[in-house]
Amino acid sequence: MTSMPAFLDAAARHLAGRPPVRVLYTDLDGTLLGPGGALLRAPDGQPSARAAKALADAAAEGLTVVPVSGRQRRQLEQDARLMGLGDAIAEAGTAVVTDGELHYTWGACPPDLAETPHDALRGAGALEVLLARFEGDVRLYEPWWRGREGTILLHGVLDVEAANAALAEAGVGWAEVIDNGATEGWPGRAVRAYHVLPRGVGKAQAVAEDLARRGLDADAAAAIGDSPEDARMAGVVGTYFTVANGGDAAAGLLTPSAMGHGFAEAVTVLLAHAEESD
């Protein structure tokens, strides 16, 4: 476990000589949010306003926070509104809302298969392939798979490489499975969430495109997460944080605390660096 002094020292060394961070891309479940997806819960489940205060502090100091989540787009827009946030990157980067406008990211999906990437995946049989090949080990993540536009959401225990090989063998090699981290919802089993989405799409690609739209370099951005898919964002931003509960996907700077408390620690060092840079 990283101590606070060690974290502050590592962050100071990493940020030295860099410009202030203007945008922070954050995962929600297991990162900004506490147990059960609650903003006002500490990692141990007790009431806490640390993550909410960090959001308010970021807004007050001009640090834009953009949620980057596996959640479906309509739900994420409502979540963002409740937290006072604007733009959002939903469904692992396949559905992006910028200035109130929605656009889909299609990646390697063949054109004209359907109106949304999700419908293209379903129409091509990607779901049937995975449910048949890994019967009993993976299933649709009820009810969170409903209403999706960009991905198919599964949970269970899945060998990602074997799953992608099965898709390729079935002629759906333009799709892939990504690991979105540990989750709940299957009593008695330790399970993970998985997105099925077009190749060439993901949180990292969506963040890179969002930065380009904003006219910002990577050094002007940071990201924070807890899963292997989140960790890919480290390659497109100048600073990446992993919250303490994401140790199995550690990249960049590891916060001393888990979930929303770790998010608050990341915001603290980013705002302190911005103040020192003025």
C-alpha atoms as a PDB file:
ATOM      1  CA  MET A   1       0.000   0.000   0.000  1.00  0.00           C
ATOM      2  CA  THR A   2       1.352   3.436  -0.936  1.00  0.00           C
ATOM      3  CA  SER A   3       1.785   5.898   1.929  1.00  0.00           C
ATOM      4  CA  MET A   4       0.623   9.486   1.546  1.00  0.00           C
ATOM      5  CA  PRO A   5       4.170  10.953   1.818  1.00  0.00           C
ATOM      6  CA  ALA A   6       5.433   8.520  -0.827  1.00  0.00           C
ATOM      7  CA  PHE A   7       2.502   9.361  -3.105  1.00  0.00           C
ATOM      8  CA  LEU A   8       2.987  13.105  -2.728  1.00  0.00           C
ATOM      9  CA  ASP A   9       6.702  12.773  -3.428  1.00  0.00           C
ATOM     10  CA  ALA A  10       6.161  10.609  -6.514  1.00  0.00           C
ATOM     11  CA  ALA A  11       3.488  12.992  -7.808  1.00  0.00           C
ATOM     12  CA  ALA A  12       5.693  16.042  -7.263  1.00  0.00           C
ATOM     13  CA  ARG A  13       8.576  14.429  -9.149  1.00  0.00           C
ATOM     14  CA  HIS A  14       6.322  13.340 -11.984  1.00  0.00           C
ATOM     15  CA  LEU A  15       4.609  16.717 -12.384  1.00  0.00           C
ATOM     16  CA  ALA A  16       7.773  18.824 -12.041  1.00  0.00           C
ATOM     17  CA  GLY A  17       8.291  20.952 -15.147  1.00  0.00           C
ATOM     18  CA  ARG A  18       4.926  19.979 -16.645  1.00  0.00           C
ATOM     19  CA  PRO A  19       2.141  22.459 -17.395  1.00  0.00           C
ATOM     20  CA  PRO A  20      -0.961  22.515 -15.181  1.00  0.00           C
ATOM     21  CA  VAL A  21      -3.476  19.779 -15.934  1.00  0.00           C
ATOM     22  CA  ARG A  22      -6.653  21.223 -17.427  1.00  0.00           C
ATOM     23  CA  VAL A  23      -8.739  18.059 -17.913  1.00  0.00           C
ATOM     24  CA  LEU A  24      -9.091  15.003 -15.676  1.00  0.00           C
ATOM     25  CA  TYR A  25     -10.701  11.928 -17.235  1.00  0.00           C
ATOM     26  CA  THR A  26     -12.145   9.646 -14.577  1.00  0.00           C
ATOM     27  CA  ASP A  27     -13.677   6.216 -14.453  1.00  0.00           C
ATOM     28  CA  LEU A  28     -16.750   6.020 -12.204  1.00  0.00           C
ATOM     29  CA  ASP A  29     -17.390   2.614 -10.626  1.00  0.00           C
ATOM     30  CA  GLY A  30     -14.519   1.635  -8.366  1.00  0.00           C
ATOM     31  CA  THR A  31     -12.804   4.981  -8.960  1.00  0.00           C
ATOM     32  CA  LEU A  32     -14.756   8.195  -8.386  1.00  0.00           C
ATOM     33  CA  LEU A  33     -17.657   6.314  -6.801  1.00  0.00           C
ATOM     34  CA  GLY A  34     -17.665   4.249  -3.629  1.00  0.00           C
ATOM     35  CA  PRO A  35     -19.229   0.837  -2.959  1.00  0.00           C
ATOM     36  CA  GLY A  36     -22.466   0.274  -4.825  1.00  0.00           C
ATOM     37  CA  GLY A  37     -21.746   3.186  -7.140  1.00  0.00           C
ATOM     38  CA  ALA A  38     -22.377   5.761  -4.387  1.00  0.00           C
ATOM     39  CA  LEU A  39     -20.681   9.166  -4.549  1.00  0.00           C
ATOM     40  CA  LEU A  40     -21.175   9.780  -0.821  1.00  0.00           C
ATOM     41  CA  ARG A  41     -19.676   6.515   0.431  1.00  0.00           C
ATOM     42  CA  ALA A  42     -16.127   5.878   1.603  1.00  0.00           C
ATOM     43  CA  PRO A  43     -14.334   2.696   0.469  1.00  0.00           C
ATOM     44  CA  ASP A  44     -15.483   1.023   3.694  1.00  0.00           C
ATOM     45  CA  GLY A  45     -19.108   1.936   2.983  1.00  0.00           C
ATOM     46  CA  GLN A  46     -19.350   4.675   5.587  1.00  0.00           C
ATOM     47  CA  PRO A  47     -20.719   8.117   4.654  1.00  0.00           C
ATOM     48  CA  SER A  48     -18.095  10.429   3.142  1.00  0.00           C
ATOM     49  CA  ALA A  49     -18.140  13.647   1.128  1.00  0.00           C
ATOM     50  CA  ARG A  50     -14.460  13.561   0.097  1.00  0.00           C
ATOM     51  CA  ALA A  51     -15.095  12.662  -3.535  1.00  0.00           C
ATOM     52  CA  ALA A  52     -17.917  15.200  -3.838  1.00  0.00           C
ATOM     53  CA  LYS A  53     -15.742  17.914  -2.298  1.00  0.00           C
ATOM     54  CA  ALA A  54     -12.960  17.056  -4.735  1.00  0.00           C
ATOM     55  CA  LEU A  55     -15.392  17.556  -7.630  1.00  0.00           C
ATOM     56  CA  ALA A  56     -16.402  20.938  -6.211  1.00  0.00           C
ATOM     57  CA  ASP A  57     -12.763  21.927  -5.686  1.00  0.00           C
ATOM     58  CA  ALA A  58     -11.893  20.948  -9.246  1.00  0.00           C
ATOM     59  CA  ALA A  59     -14.767  23.013 -10.641  1.00  0.00           C
ATOM     60  CA  ALA A  60     -13.813  26.017  -8.515  1.00  0.00           C
ATOM     61  CA  GLU A  61     -10.222  25.908  -9.778  1.00  0.00           C
ATOM     62  CA  GLY A  62     -11.050  25.367 -13.445  1.00  0.00           C
ATOM     63  CA  LEU A  63     -10.066  21.690 -13.652  1.00  0.00           C
ATOM     64  CA  THR A  64     -12.541  20.043 -16.059  1.00  0.00           C
ATOM     65  CA  VAL A  65     -13.599  16.541 -15.000  1.00  0.00           C
ATOM     66  CA  VAL A  66     -14.907  14.234 -17.716  1.00  0.00           C
ATOM     67  CA  PRO A  67     -16.423  10.867 -16.727  1.00  0.00           C
ATOM     68  CA  VAL A  68     -15.170   7.969 -18.860  1.00  0.00           C
ATOM     69  CA  SER A  69     -17.271   4.958 -18.037  1.00  0.00           C
ATOM     70  CA  GLY A  70     -18.628   1.649 -19.170  1.00  0.00           C
ATOM     71  CA  ARG A  71     -22.091   2.854 -18.168  1.00  0.00           C
ATOM     72  CA  GLN A  72     -24.665   3.266 -20.896  1.00  0.00           C
ATOM     73  CA  ARG A  73     -24.906   6.735 -22.369  1.00  0.00           C
ATOM     74  CA  ARG A  74     -28.297   7.889 -21.049  1.00  0.00           C
ATOM     75  CA  GLN A  75     -27.430   6.803 -17.522  1.00  0.00           C
ATOM     76  CA  LEU A  76     -24.021   8.472 -17.679  1.00  0.00           C
ATOM     77  CA  GLU A  77     -25.506  11.750 -18.898  1.00  0.00           C
ATOM     78  CA  GLN A  78     -27.792  11.784 -15.857  1.00  0.00           C
ATOM     79  CA  ASP A  79     -24.924  10.858 -13.542  1.00  0.00           C
ATOM     80  CA  ALA A  80     -22.823  13.681 -14.988  1.00  0.00           C
ATOM     81  CA  ARG A  81     -25.652  16.179 -14.572  1.00  0.00           C
ATOM     82  CA  LEU A  82     -26.102  15.262 -10.909  1.00  0.00           C
ATOM     83  CA  MET A  83     -22.374  15.751 -10.310  1.00  0.00           C
ATOM     84  CA  GLY A  84     -22.287  19.095 -12.096  1.00  0.00           C
ATOM     85  CA  LEU A  85     -20.291  17.716 -15.038  1.00  0.00           C
ATOM     86  CA  GLY A  86     -20.856  18.297 -18.738  1.00  0.00           C
ATOM     87  CA  ASP A  87     -19.232  16.139 -21.427  1.00  0.00           C
ATOM     88  CA  ALA A  88     -19.150  12.365 -21.004  1.00  0.00           C
ATOM     89  CA  ILE A  89     -17.516   9.338 -22.620  1.00  0.00           C
ATOM     90  CA  ALA A  90     -19.825   6.354 -22.226  1.00  0.00           C
ATOM     91  CA  GLU A  91     -19.845   2.626 -22.961  1.00  0.00           C
ATOM     92  CA  ALA A  92     -16.058   2.258 -22.918  1.00  0.00           C
ATOM     93  CA  GLY A  93     -15.580   4.986 -25.514  1.00  0.00           C
ATOM     94  CA  THR A  94     -18.173   3.950 -28.076  1.00  0.00           C
ATOM     95  CA  ALA A  95     -20.712   6.690 -27.253  1.00  0.00           C
ATOM     96  CA  VAL A  96     -19.355  10.202 -26.701  1.00  0.00           C
ATOM     97  CA  VAL A  97     -21.288  13.332 -25.694  1.00  0.00           C
ATOM     98  CA  THR A  98     -19.537  16.634 -26.413  1.00  0.00           C
ATOM     99  CA  ASP A  99     -21.286  19.972 -25.942  1.00  0.00           C
ATOM    100  CA  GLY A 100     -24.590  18.109 -25.750  1.00  0.00           C
ATOM    101  CA  GLU A 101     -24.138  16.271 -29.048  1.00  0.00           C
ATOM    102  CA  LEU A 102     -23.847  12.476 -29.342  1.00  0.00           C
ATOM    103  CA  HIS A 103     -21.579  10.627 -31.721  1.00  0.00           C
ATOM    104  CA  TYR A 104     -20.623   6.953 -31.950  1.00  0.00           C
ATOM    105  CA  THR A 105     -17.138   5.550 -32.413  1.00  0.00           C
ATOM    106  CA  TRP A 106     -17.216   2.664 -34.883  1.00  0.00           C
ATOM    107  CA  GLY A 107     -13.612   1.454 -35.073  1.00  0.00           C
ATOM    108  CA  ALA A 108     -13.239  -1.655 -37.239  1.00  0.00           C
ATOM    109  CA  CYS A 109     -16.978  -2.330 -37.429  1.00  0.00           C
ATOM    110  CA  PRO A 110     -17.988  -2.774 -41.079  1.00  0.00           C
ATOM    111  CA  PRO A 111     -20.067   0.181 -42.268  1.00  0.00           C
ATOM    112  CA  ASP A 112     -23.830   0.056 -42.729  1.00  0.00           C
ATOM    113  CA  LEU A 113     -24.433  -2.995 -40.543  1.00  0.00           C
ATOM    114  CA  ALA A 114     -26.780  -1.162 -38.188  1.00  0.00           C
ATOM    115  CA  GLU A 115     -27.617   2.227 -36.728  1.00  0.00           C
ATOM    116  CA  THR A 116     -25.487   1.727 -33.610  1.00  0.00           C
ATOM    117  CA  PRO A 117     -22.328  -0.281 -32.805  1.00  0.00           C
ATOM    118  CA  HIS A 118     -24.321  -2.315 -30.264  1.00  0.00           C
ATOM    119  CA  ASP A 119     -26.871  -3.353 -32.873  1.00  0.00           C
ATOM    120  CA  ALA A 120     -24.083  -4.210 -35.313  1.00  0.00           C
ATOM    121  CA  LEU A 121     -22.480  -6.506 -32.726  1.00  0.00           C
ATOM    122  CA  ARG A 122     -25.784  -8.200 -31.955  1.00  0.00           C
ATOM    123  CA  GLY A 123     -26.659  -8.569 -35.632  1.00  0.00           C
ATOM    124  CA  ALA A 124     -23.280 -10.169 -36.390  1.00  0.00           C
ATOM    125  CA  GLY A 125     -23.829 -12.803 -33.693  1.00  0.00           C
ATOM    126  CA  ALA A 126     -21.048 -11.765 -31.294  1.00  0.00           C
ATOM    127  CA  LEU A 127     -23.214 -12.336 -28.224  1.00  0.00           C
ATOM    128  CA  GLU A 128     -24.360 -15.787 -29.285  1.00  0.00           C
ATOM    129  CA  VAL A 129     -20.759 -16.867 -29.948  1.00  0.00           C
ATOM    130  CA  LEU A 130     -19.585 -15.880 -26.476  1.00  0.00           C
ATOM    131  CA  LEU A 131     -22.580 -17.237 -24.555  1.00  0.00           C
ATOM    132  CA  ALA A 132     -22.271 -20.596 -26.329  1.00  0.00           C
ATOM    133  CA  ARG A 133     -18.477 -20.878 -26.062  1.00  0.00           C
ATOM    134  CA  PHE A 134     -18.354 -19.860 -22.388  1.00  0.00           C
ATOM    135  CA  GLU A 135     -21.689 -21.225 -21.204  1.00  0.00           C
ATOM    136  CA  GLY A 136     -22.034 -20.993 -17.427  1.00  0.00           C
ATOM    137  CA  ASP A 137     -19.056 -18.668 -17.055  1.00  0.00           C
ATOM    138  CA  VAL A 138     -20.420 -15.453 -18.527  1.00  0.00           C
ATOM    139  CA  ARG A 139     -23.830 -13.867 -19.002  1.00  0.00           C
ATOM    140  CA  LEU A 140     -25.480 -10.559 -19.839  1.00  0.00           C
ATOM    141  CA  TYR A 141     -25.030  -8.136 -16.957  1.00  0.00           C
ATOM    142  CA  GLU A 142     -28.604  -7.598 -15.838  1.00  0.00           C
ATOM    143  CA  PRO A 143     -30.022  -4.941 -15.928  1.00  0.00           C
ATOM    144  CA  TRP A 144     -27.063  -2.810 -17.034  1.00  0.00           C
ATOM    145  CA  TRP A 145     -26.802  -4.318 -20.519  1.00  0.00           C
ATOM    146  CA  ARG A 146     -30.202  -2.908 -21.476  1.00  0.00           C
ATOM    147  CA  GLY A 147     -30.484   0.297 -23.497  1.00  0.00           C
ATOM    148  CA  ARG A 148     -26.934   0.134 -24.792  1.00  0.00           C
ATOM    149  CA  GLU A 149     -25.864   1.794 -28.025  1.00  0.00           C
ATOM    150  CA  GLY A 150     -22.162   1.032 -28.246  1.00  0.00           C
ATOM    151  CA  THR A 151     -21.217  -2.186 -26.461  1.00  0.00           C
ATOM    152  CA  ILE A 152     -22.557  -5.476 -25.169  1.00  0.00           C
ATOM    153  CA  LEU A 153     -22.042  -5.732 -21.397  1.00  0.00           C
ATOM    154  CA  LEU A 154     -21.272  -9.124 -19.854  1.00  0.00           C
ATOM    155  CA  HIS A 155     -20.066 -10.328 -16.497  1.00  0.00           C
ATOM    156  CA  GLY A 156     -18.602 -13.532 -15.184  1.00  0.00           C
ATOM    157  CA  VAL A 157     -15.165 -15.109 -15.493  1.00  0.00           C
ATOM    158  CA  LEU A 158     -13.750 -14.947 -18.995  1.00  0.00           C
ATOM    159  CA  ASP A 159     -10.396 -15.648 -20.636  1.00  0.00           C
ATOM    160  CA  VAL A 160     -10.202 -12.540 -22.811  1.00  0.00           C
ATOM    161  CA  GLU A 161      -7.706 -14.010 -25.280  1.00  0.00           C
ATOM    162  CA  ALA A 162      -9.820 -17.135 -25.729  1.00  0.00           C
ATOM    163  CA  ALA A 163     -12.947 -15.015 -26.129  1.00  0.00           C
ATOM    164  CA  ASN A 164     -11.364 -12.903 -28.860  1.00  0.00           C
ATOM    165  CA  ALA A 165     -10.127 -16.026 -30.607  1.00  0.00           C
ATOM    166  CA  ALA A 166     -13.678 -17.413 -30.545  1.00  0.00           C
ATOM    167  CA  LEU A 167     -15.006 -14.225 -32.127  1.00  0.00           C
ATOM    168  CA  ALA A 168     -12.370 -14.384 -34.860  1.00  0.00           C
ATOM    169  CA  GLU A 169     -13.131 -18.047 -35.580  1.00  0.00           C
ATOM    170  CA  ALA A 170     -16.811 -17.164 -35.944  1.00  0.00           C
ATOM    171  CA  GLY A 171     -16.054 -14.450 -38.502  1.00  0.00           C
ATOM    172  CA  VAL A 172     -16.550 -11.544 -36.097  1.00  0.00           C
ATOM    173  CA  GLY A 173     -12.870 -10.680 -35.764  1.00  0.00           C
ATOM    174  CA  TRP A 174     -13.645  -6.982 -36.058  1.00  0.00           C
ATOM    175  CA  ALA A 175     -15.063  -7.191 -32.516  1.00  0.00           C
ATOM    176  CA  GLU A 176     -13.188  -7.779 -29.275  1.00  0.00           C
ATOM    177  CA  VAL A 177     -13.731  -8.334 -25.567  1.00  0.00           C
ATOM    178  CA  ILE A 178     -12.121  -6.033 -22.995  1.00  0.00           C
ATOM    179  CA  ASP A 179     -11.869  -6.452 -19.220  1.00  0.00           C
ATOM    180  CA  ASN A 180     -13.565  -3.583 -17.351  1.00  0.00           C
ATOM    181  CA  GLY A 181     -12.621  -4.723 -13.843  1.00  0.00           C
ATOM    182  CA  ALA A 182     -14.097  -6.471 -10.822  1.00  0.00           C
ATOM    183  CA  THR A 183     -17.833  -6.174 -10.236  1.00  0.00           C
ATOM    184  CA  GLU A 184     -20.706  -7.706  -8.314  1.00  0.00           C
ATOM    185  CA  GLY A 185     -24.067  -9.216  -9.162  1.00  0.00           C
ATOM    186  CA  TRP A 186     -23.340 -12.950  -9.300  1.00  0.00           C
ATOM    187  CA  PRO A 187     -23.920 -14.330  -5.786  1.00  0.00           C
ATOM    188  CA  GLY A 188     -21.186 -16.626  -4.576  1.00  0.00           C
ATOM    189  CA  ARG A 189     -18.765 -15.829  -7.394  1.00  0.00           C
ATOM    190  CA  ALA A 190     -15.951 -13.313  -7.790  1.00  0.00           C
ATOM    191  CA  VAL A 191     -16.712 -11.921 -11.227  1.00  0.00           C
ATOM    192  CA  ARG A 192     -15.620  -9.183 -13.604  1.00  0.00           C
ATOM    193  CA  ALA A 193     -17.366  -6.961 -16.137  1.00  0.00           C
ATOM    194  CA  TYR A 194     -16.546  -7.275 -19.846  1.00  0.00           C
ATOM    195  CA  HIS A 195     -17.402  -5.117 -22.820  1.00  0.00           C
ATOM    196  CA  VAL A 196     -17.795  -6.484 -26.332  1.00  0.00           C
ATOM    197  CA  LEU A 197     -17.076  -3.650 -28.763  1.00  0.00           C
ATOM    198  CA  PRO A 198     -15.533  -2.962 -32.178  1.00  0.00           C
ATOM    199  CA  ARG A 199     -11.757  -3.209 -32.392  1.00  0.00           C
ATOM    200  CA  GLY A 200      -9.988   0.119 -32.454  1.00  0.00           C
ATOM    201  CA  VAL A 201     -12.426   1.581 -29.930  1.00  0.00           C
ATOM    202  CA  GLY A 202     -11.933   2.072 -26.211  1.00  0.00           C
ATOM    203  CA  LYS A 203     -11.530   4.569 -23.426  1.00  0.00           C
ATOM    204  CA  ALA A 204      -7.999   5.519 -24.502  1.00  0.00           C
ATOM    205  CA  GLN A 205      -8.960   6.187 -28.113  1.00  0.00           C
ATOM    206  CA  ALA A 206     -11.966   8.253 -27.019  1.00  0.00           C
ATOM    207  CA  VAL A 207      -9.835  10.312 -24.628  1.00  0.00           C
ATOM    208  CA  ALA A 208      -7.238  10.960 -27.343  1.00  0.00           C
ATOM    209  CA  GLU A 209      -9.960  12.139 -29.730  1.00  0.00           C
ATOM    210  CA  ASP A 210     -11.528  14.314 -27.027  1.00  0.00           C
ATOM    211  CA  LEU A 211      -8.185  15.976 -26.329  1.00  0.00           C
ATOM    212  CA  ALA A 212      -7.769  16.676 -30.035  1.00  0.00           C
ATOM    213  CA  ARG A 213     -11.219  18.310 -30.137  1.00  0.00           C
ATOM    214  CA  ARG A 214     -10.199  20.490 -27.207  1.00  0.00           C
ATOM    215  CA  GLY A 215      -6.900  21.398 -28.862  1.00  0.00           C
ATOM    216  CA  LEU A 216      -4.912  20.127 -25.871  1.00  0.00           C
ATOM    217  CA  ASP A 217      -1.664  18.187 -25.661  1.00  0.00           C
ATOM    218  CA  ALA A 218      -1.380  15.038 -23.562  1.00  0.00           C
ATOM    219  CA  ASP A 219       0.547  16.885 -20.828  1.00  0.00           C
ATOM    220  CA  ALA A 220      -2.508  19.069 -20.199  1.00  0.00           C
ATOM    221  CA  ALA A 221      -4.546  15.991 -19.263  1.00  0.00           C
ATOM    222  CA  ALA A 222      -4.668  13.365 -16.546  1.00  0.00           C
ATOM    223  CA  ALA A 223      -6.754  10.231 -16.090  1.00  0.00           C
ATOM    224  CA  ILE A 224      -7.622   7.946 -13.202  1.00  0.00           C
ATOM    225  CA  GLY A 225      -9.076   4.451 -13.036  1.00  0.00           C
ATOM    226  CA  ASP A 226      -9.027   0.994 -11.512  1.00  0.00           C
ATOM    227  CA  SER A 227      -9.218  -1.522 -14.379  1.00  0.00           C
ATOM    228  CA  PRO A 228      -7.037  -2.824 -17.220  1.00  0.00           C
ATOM    229  CA  GLU A 229      -9.173  -0.913 -19.727  1.00  0.00           C
ATOM    230  CA  ASP A 230      -8.758   2.268 -17.670  1.00  0.00           C
ATOM    231  CA  ALA A 231      -4.998   1.757 -17.583  1.00  0.00           C
ATOM    232  CA  ARG A 232      -4.848   2.087 -21.365  1.00  0.00           C
ATOM    233  CA  MET A 233      -5.623   5.776 -20.881  1.00  0.00           C
ATOM    234  CA  ALA A 234      -2.116   6.132 -19.427  1.00  0.00           C
ATOM    235  CA  GLY A 235      -0.773   6.048 -22.971  1.00  0.00           C
ATOM    236  CA  VAL A 236      -2.679   9.131 -24.147  1.00  0.00           C
ATOM    237  CA  VAL A 237      -2.441  11.513 -21.162  1.00  0.00           C
ATOM    238  CA  GLY A 238       0.512  13.075 -19.408  1.00  0.00           C
ATOM    239  CA  THR A 239      -0.424  11.828 -15.931  1.00  0.00           C
ATOM    240  CA  TYR A 240      -2.239   8.669 -14.939  1.00  0.00           C
ATOM    241  CA  PHE A 241      -3.416   7.583 -11.486  1.00  0.00           C
ATOM    242  CA  THR A 242      -4.538   4.156 -10.314  1.00  0.00           C
ATOM    243  CA  VAL A 243      -6.708   4.107  -7.198  1.00  0.00           C
ATOM    244  CA  ALA A 244      -5.502   1.733  -4.480  1.00  0.00           C
ATOM    245  CA  ASN A 245      -8.196  -0.875  -5.186  1.00  0.00           C
ATOM    246  CA  GLY A 246      -6.967  -1.173  -8.783  1.00  0.00           C
ATOM    247  CA  GLY A 247      -3.663  -2.795  -7.859  1.00  0.00           C
ATOM    248  CA  ASP A 248      -4.129  -5.620 -10.359  1.00  0.00           C
ATOM    249  CA  ALA A 249      -4.153  -2.999 -13.133  1.00  0.00           C
ATOM    250  CA  ALA A 250      -1.628  -0.600 -11.606  1.00  0.00           C
ATOM    251  CA  ALA A 251      -0.180   2.030 -13.915  1.00  0.00           C
ATOM    252  CA  GLY A 252       1.232   5.483 -13.294  1.00  0.00           C
ATOM    253  CA  LEU A 253       0.832   6.932  -9.805  1.00  0.00           C
ATOM    254  CA  LEU A 254      -0.868   4.700  -7.226  1.00  0.00           C
ATOM    255  CA  THR A 255      -3.042   6.619  -4.764  1.00  0.00           C
ATOM    256  CA  PRO A 256      -2.821   5.701  -1.062  1.00  0.00           C
ATOM    257  CA  SER A 257      -6.595   5.344  -0.778  1.00  0.00           C
ATOM    258  CA  ALA A 258      -9.216   3.422  -2.723  1.00  0.00           C
ATOM    259  CA  MET A 259     -12.161   4.574  -4.808  1.00  0.00           C
ATOM    260  CA  GLY A 260     -13.446   8.123  -4.220  1.00  0.00           C
ATOM    261  CA  HIS A 261     -10.848   8.869  -1.559  1.00  0.00           C
ATOM    262  CA  GLY A 262      -8.111   8.034  -4.057  1.00  0.00           C
ATOM    263  CA  PHE A 263      -9.829  10.265  -6.610  1.00  0.00           C
ATOM    264  CA  ALA A 264      -9.768  13.099  -4.057  1.00  0.00           C
ATOM    265  CA  GLU A 265      -6.042  12.554  -3.478  1.00  0.00           C
ATOM    266  CA  ALA A 266      -5.374  12.796  -7.198  1.00  0.00           C
ATOM    267  CA  VAL A 267      -7.368  16.025  -7.485  1.00  0.00           C
ATOM    268  CA  THR A 268      -5.454  17.463  -4.518  1.00  0.00           C
ATOM    269  CA  VAL A 269      -2.046  16.963  -6.122  1.00  0.00           C
ATOM    270  CA  LEU A 270      -3.234  18.248  -9.514  1.00  0.00           C
ATOM    271  CA  LEU A 271      -4.642  21.435  -7.993  1.00  0.00           C
ATOM    272  CA  ALA A 272      -1.532  21.939  -5.861  1.00  0.00           C
ATOM    273  CA  HIS A 273       0.648  21.607  -8.967  1.00  0.00           C
ATOM    274  CA  ALA A 274      -1.513  24.100 -10.844  1.00  0.00           C
ATOM    275  CA  GLU A 275      -1.166  26.609  -8.004  1.00  0.00           C
ATOM    276  CA  GLU A 276       2.620  26.158  -7.907  1.00  0.00           C
ATOM    277  CA  SER A 277       2.793  26.659 -11.691  1.00  0.00           C
ATOM    278  CA  ASP A 278       0.996  30.037 -11.598  1.00  0.00           C
END
